[in-house]
Protein backbone atom coordinates (compact mmCIF):
# COMPACT_ATOMS: atom_id res chain seq x y z
CA UNK A 1 -39.78 -95.97 186.50
CA UNK A 2 -40.12 -92.22 185.94
CA UNK A 3 -37.69 -91.51 188.78
CA UNK A 4 -35.13 -93.86 187.22
CA UNK A 5 -35.48 -92.04 183.89
CA UNK A 6 -35.01 -88.65 185.59
CA UNK A 7 -31.87 -89.89 187.36
CA UNK A 8 -30.42 -91.27 184.11
CA UNK A 9 -31.18 -87.98 182.36
CA UNK A 10 -29.46 -86.00 185.12
CA UNK A 11 -26.39 -88.27 184.96
CA UNK A 12 -26.34 -87.90 181.18
CA UNK A 13 -26.39 -84.11 181.48
CA UNK A 14 -23.53 -84.14 183.98
CA UNK A 15 -21.47 -86.44 181.72
CA UNK A 16 -22.16 -84.16 178.75
CA UNK A 17 -21.00 -81.16 180.79
CA UNK A 18 -17.84 -83.05 181.82
CA UNK A 19 -17.05 -84.12 178.24
CA UNK A 20 -17.84 -80.90 176.37
CA UNK A 21 -17.47 -78.19 178.99
CA UNK A 22 -21.03 -76.92 178.65
CA UNK A 23 -24.56 -78.04 179.40
CA UNK A 24 -26.52 -79.76 176.62
CA UNK A 25 -29.01 -76.90 176.43
CA UNK A 26 -26.46 -74.06 176.35
CA UNK A 27 -26.50 -73.89 172.52
CA UNK A 28 -30.23 -73.24 172.65
CA UNK A 29 -29.73 -70.16 174.81
CA UNK A 30 -26.59 -68.74 173.17
CA UNK A 31 -26.89 -69.87 169.58
CA UNK A 32 -24.77 -72.46 167.81
CA UNK A 33 -22.07 -70.05 166.57
CA UNK A 34 -21.03 -69.04 170.09
CA UNK A 35 -21.23 -72.65 171.18
CA UNK A 36 -18.76 -73.73 168.51
CA UNK A 37 -16.32 -71.05 169.63
CA UNK A 38 -16.64 -72.13 173.24
CA UNK A 39 -16.12 -75.73 172.24
CA UNK A 40 -12.97 -74.78 170.33
CA UNK A 41 -11.66 -72.91 173.34
CA UNK A 42 -12.50 -75.81 175.65
CA UNK A 43 -10.73 -78.23 173.31
CA UNK A 44 -7.67 -75.98 173.13
CA UNK A 45 -7.55 -75.67 176.93
CA UNK A 46 -7.87 -79.43 177.32
CA UNK A 47 -5.13 -80.07 174.78
CA UNK A 48 -2.70 -77.73 176.53
CA UNK A 49 -3.93 -78.68 180.00
CA UNK A 50 -4.72 -75.15 181.18
CA UNK A 51 -7.76 -73.59 182.81
CA UNK A 52 -9.92 -70.77 181.53
CA UNK A 53 -8.09 -68.42 183.92
CA UNK A 54 -4.65 -69.29 182.51
CA UNK A 55 -2.27 -66.40 181.97
CA UNK A 56 -0.20 -65.75 178.86
CA UNK A 57 2.85 -67.26 180.56
CA UNK A 58 0.95 -70.40 181.60
CA UNK A 59 -0.37 -70.92 178.06
CA UNK A 60 3.10 -70.49 176.55
CA UNK A 61 4.68 -72.84 179.11
CA UNK A 62 1.99 -75.48 178.50
CA UNK A 63 2.51 -75.16 174.75
CA UNK A 64 6.26 -75.62 175.13
CA UNK A 65 5.75 -78.79 177.18
CA UNK A 66 3.31 -80.22 174.67
CA UNK A 67 5.40 -79.20 171.65
CA UNK A 68 8.42 -80.97 173.15
CA UNK A 69 6.36 -84.17 173.33
CA UNK A 70 4.72 -84.05 169.89
CA UNK A 71 7.52 -82.50 167.83
CA UNK A 72 8.35 -84.54 164.71
CA UNK A 73 12.03 -84.66 165.71
CA UNK A 74 10.97 -86.48 168.87
CA UNK A 75 8.71 -89.05 167.24
CA UNK A 76 5.60 -86.88 167.02
CA UNK A 77 3.86 -85.68 163.89
CA UNK A 78 3.50 -82.43 161.99
CA UNK A 79 -0.27 -82.59 162.51
CA UNK A 80 0.07 -82.89 166.28
CA UNK A 81 2.46 -79.94 166.38
CA UNK A 82 0.15 -77.91 164.14
CA UNK A 83 -2.76 -78.66 166.49
CA UNK A 84 -0.71 -77.59 169.52
CA UNK A 85 0.28 -74.36 167.76
CA UNK A 86 -3.34 -73.65 166.79
CA UNK A 87 -4.49 -74.23 170.38
CA UNK A 88 -1.83 -71.83 171.67
CA UNK A 89 -2.74 -69.17 169.09
CA UNK A 90 -6.46 -69.47 169.81
CA UNK A 91 -6.02 -69.13 173.57
CA UNK A 92 -3.54 -66.26 173.29
CA UNK A 93 -5.94 -64.51 170.91
CA UNK A 94 -8.63 -64.60 173.59
CA UNK A 95 -6.50 -62.79 176.17
CA UNK A 96 -6.85 -59.04 176.55
CA UNK A 97 -4.05 -57.11 174.86
CA UNK A 98 -1.06 -56.18 177.02
CA UNK A 99 -0.06 -52.56 177.34
CA UNK A 100 3.68 -53.25 177.58
CA UNK A 101 3.97 -50.97 180.61
CA UNK A 102 4.74 -52.19 184.11
């Protein structure tokens, strides 16, 4: 009985990690403010379909694809486009600044 409970708890933790991008106990170690930021970033990445290692160009390309799908002129909504724009802005804001020199 105890083994069954431990297995269910482990499966629950893995599902939580899959759904939210972090372990259930991570807010306890890092505080809730940082956890909310990480959740926002994870949600933005999921919305645009990019990874945490995505480059500026990948984020912009993913945003363009999503914006083409959710644009009000194509049957989407203003709210969906606003959410896509906010996701793009949040992820681009997390990237280190470019120097402009090659």
